[in-house]
Amino acid sequence: MALTRALVFCQLVLLISSANCDAQERQPVTWSLLVGVCEYPETRRTLQGPDHDVELMSSLLKERFQVTEERLIILTEGSDVQRLPTRSNLEAAFRSLAAQVATGDQVLIMLAGHGTQQPDFSADHEEPDGLDEVFLPRDAGRWGDQQKAVINGITDDELREW
């Protein structure tokens, strides 16, 4: 069932992205960033499944949509230090992806792990509900009173910026 939903989601993303591409000299390609966080050492929490979800999505993208290893960034548990799903590695992966993608390319990003919300303290207060959505990387901590944020949490605003 999950694989079927993932397949349908990928097809929709690719169809929508393809419909927006004008005829260009260069053929658009598909890029992907897959993140699976199972371990949260700071809070002693664990999840079963995000690494498996990443594995399934990776196989689907390679087999069905011909996404090559060079255009696939994977951050999961059990990886070397540069591939663990930490805040700094996620930021580096997003920035690397943004630097490589060309106009007309298609991008699929999957973040599997815990998430939460926190008050939006930004100057523009753009969130209608007053809350930022937050993805929790491997090195996320608890609420920081001084920061008024989840320590190392990644807000939706930061993801957009990256």
Protein backbone atom coordinates (compact mmCIF):
# COMPACT_ATOMS: atom_id res chain seq x y z
CA MET A 1 0.00 0.00 0.00
CA ALA A 2 2.77 2.45 0.96
CA LEU A 3 4.69 1.59 -2.21
CA THR A 4 1.55 2.20 -4.29
CA ARG A 5 1.04 5.62 -2.68
CA ALA A 6 4.71 6.45 -3.22
CA LEU A 7 4.44 5.42 -6.88
CA VAL A 8 1.34 7.53 -7.43
CA PHE A 9 2.95 10.50 -5.66
CA CYS A 10 6.11 10.23 -7.79
CA GLN A 11 4.08 9.98 -10.98
CA LEU A 12 2.05 13.07 -10.04
CA VAL A 13 5.15 15.06 -9.16
CA LEU A 14 6.83 14.09 -12.41
CA LEU A 15 3.72 14.78 -14.50
CA ILE A 16 3.16 18.19 -12.93
CA SER A 17 6.83 19.10 -13.30
CA SER A 18 6.93 17.85 -16.88
CA ALA A 19 3.87 19.88 -17.83
CA ASN A 20 5.68 23.06 -16.76
CA CYS A 21 8.77 22.42 -18.89
CA ASP A 22 9.13 24.33 -22.13
CA ALA A 23 10.94 22.78 -25.04
CA GLN A 24 14.60 23.29 -24.33
CA GLU A 25 17.85 22.14 -25.84
CA ARG A 26 18.73 20.24 -22.70
CA GLN A 27 16.50 17.36 -21.66
CA PRO A 28 15.23 17.87 -18.07
CA VAL A 29 16.45 15.39 -15.50
CA THR A 30 15.10 14.24 -12.15
CA TRP A 31 16.96 14.85 -8.89
CA SER A 32 16.05 13.53 -5.48
CA LEU A 33 16.93 14.04 -1.83
CA LEU A 34 15.74 11.21 0.42
CA VAL A 35 16.07 11.58 4.19
CA GLY A 36 15.25 8.89 6.75
CA VAL A 37 15.67 9.60 10.47
CA CYS A 38 15.20 6.66 12.83
CA GLU A 39 17.44 7.57 15.76
CA TYR A 40 17.15 10.66 17.96
CA PRO A 41 20.05 10.24 20.43
CA GLU A 42 19.42 13.58 22.21
CA THR A 43 15.88 12.60 23.16
CA ARG A 44 16.33 8.80 23.21
CA ARG A 45 13.49 8.38 20.72
CA THR A 46 13.51 5.95 17.82
CA LEU A 47 11.33 5.24 14.82
CA GLN A 48 10.91 2.04 12.87
CA GLY A 49 10.60 2.50 9.14
CA PRO A 50 12.03 5.77 7.76
CA ASP A 51 15.20 4.04 6.53
CA HIS A 52 13.06 1.38 4.87
CA ASP A 53 10.87 4.08 3.26
CA VAL A 54 14.03 5.69 1.83
CA GLU A 55 15.19 2.33 0.49
CA LEU A 56 11.82 1.70 -1.22
CA MET A 57 11.68 5.21 -2.71
CA SER A 58 15.27 4.95 -3.92
CA SER A 59 14.52 1.67 -5.70
CA LEU A 60 11.37 3.12 -7.24
CA LEU A 61 13.16 6.23 -8.50
CA LYS A 62 16.04 4.22 -9.99
CA GLU A 63 13.95 1.47 -11.59
CA ARG A 64 10.83 3.30 -12.71
CA PHE A 65 12.07 6.84 -13.30
CA GLN A 66 15.74 6.20 -14.21
CA VAL A 67 17.12 8.51 -11.51
CA THR A 68 20.86 7.86 -11.47
CA GLU A 69 23.07 7.57 -8.38
CA GLU A 70 24.66 10.93 -9.27
CA ARG A 71 21.27 12.65 -9.00
CA LEU A 72 20.17 10.89 -5.83
CA ILE A 73 21.21 12.17 -2.39
CA ILE A 74 20.43 9.83 0.51
CA LEU A 75 20.81 10.67 4.20
CA THR A 76 19.99 7.76 6.53
CA GLU A 77 21.04 5.97 9.67
CA GLY A 78 23.98 3.61 9.38
CA SER A 79 25.67 5.88 6.85
CA ASP A 80 29.06 7.50 7.20
CA VAL A 81 29.17 10.75 9.19
CA GLN A 82 28.64 12.92 6.06
CA ARG A 83 25.46 10.97 5.20
CA LEU A 84 23.78 10.89 8.62
CA PRO A 85 20.51 12.86 8.66
CA THR A 86 21.80 15.68 10.87
CA ARG A 87 20.87 19.35 10.55
CA SER A 88 24.21 20.34 9.01
CA ASN A 89 24.15 17.45 6.52
CA LEU A 90 20.57 18.28 5.50
CA GLU A 91 21.47 21.91 4.89
CA ALA A 92 24.54 20.90 2.88
CA ALA A 93 22.46 18.45 0.82
CA PHE A 94 19.74 21.04 0.09
CA ARG A 95 22.32 23.64 -0.93
CA SER A 96 24.24 21.14 -3.08
CA LEU A 97 21.03 20.09 -4.81
CA ALA A 98 20.00 23.72 -5.42
CA ALA A 99 23.39 24.44 -6.98
CA GLN A 100 23.13 21.51 -9.42
CA VAL A 101 19.51 21.67 -10.56
CA ALA A 102 18.86 23.47 -13.83
CA THR A 103 15.72 25.21 -15.05
CA GLY A 104 13.16 22.61 -16.09
CA ASP A 105 14.64 19.82 -13.95
CA GLN A 106 12.35 17.89 -11.64
CA VAL A 107 13.10 17.53 -7.92
CA LEU A 108 11.61 15.12 -5.41
CA ILE A 109 12.36 15.58 -1.71
CA MET A 110 11.25 13.05 0.90
CA LEU A 111 11.69 13.75 4.61
CA ALA A 112 10.84 10.71 6.74
CA GLY A 113 11.07 11.13 10.50
CA HIS A 114 9.50 13.15 13.30
CA GLY A 115 8.09 16.61 12.85
CA THR A 116 6.42 19.16 15.07
CA GLN A 117 5.29 22.77 15.19
CA GLN A 118 6.64 25.75 17.10
CA PRO A 119 5.65 29.41 17.43
CA ASP A 120 6.54 31.61 14.46
CA PHE A 121 8.77 34.32 15.89
CA SER A 122 9.92 35.63 12.50
CA ALA A 123 9.65 39.34 11.76
CA ASP A 124 6.98 38.85 9.07
CA HIS A 125 4.79 36.41 11.04
CA GLU A 126 3.71 34.82 7.78
CA GLU A 127 2.12 31.72 9.29
CA PRO A 128 -1.68 32.14 9.43
CA ASP A 129 -1.89 29.85 12.46
CA GLY A 130 1.15 31.45 14.12
CA LEU A 131 3.11 28.18 13.96
CA ASP A 132 6.12 27.07 11.93
CA GLU A 133 6.23 23.46 10.77
CA VAL A 134 9.46 21.80 11.89
CA PHE A 135 11.31 18.70 10.65
CA LEU A 136 13.42 17.03 13.30
CA PRO A 137 16.82 15.82 12.08
CA ARG A 138 18.86 13.18 13.92
CA ASP A 139 20.56 15.76 16.17
CA ALA A 140 17.35 17.57 17.18
CA GLY A 141 17.05 18.27 20.86
CA ARG A 142 14.32 19.42 23.15
CA TRP A 143 12.73 22.87 23.37
CA GLY A 144 15.29 25.59 24.05
CA ASP A 145 13.89 28.40 26.19
CA GLN A 146 16.66 30.80 25.15
CA GLN A 147 16.23 30.01 21.44
CA LYS A 148 12.44 29.78 21.74
CA ALA A 149 12.69 26.85 19.34
CA VAL A 150 13.34 23.13 19.14
CA ILE A 151 17.12 22.82 19.24
CA ASN A 152 18.41 21.95 15.74
CA GLY A 153 14.87 21.70 14.38
CA ILE A 154 14.52 22.76 10.75
CA THR A 155 11.61 25.11 10.07
CA ASP A 156 9.64 25.32 6.86
CA ASP A 157 11.11 28.80 6.37
CA GLU A 158 14.65 27.41 6.51
CA LEU A 159 13.82 24.67 4.03
CA ARG A 160 12.47 27.25 1.61
CA GLU A 161 15.62 29.37 2.02
CA TRP A 162 17.95 26.40 1.46
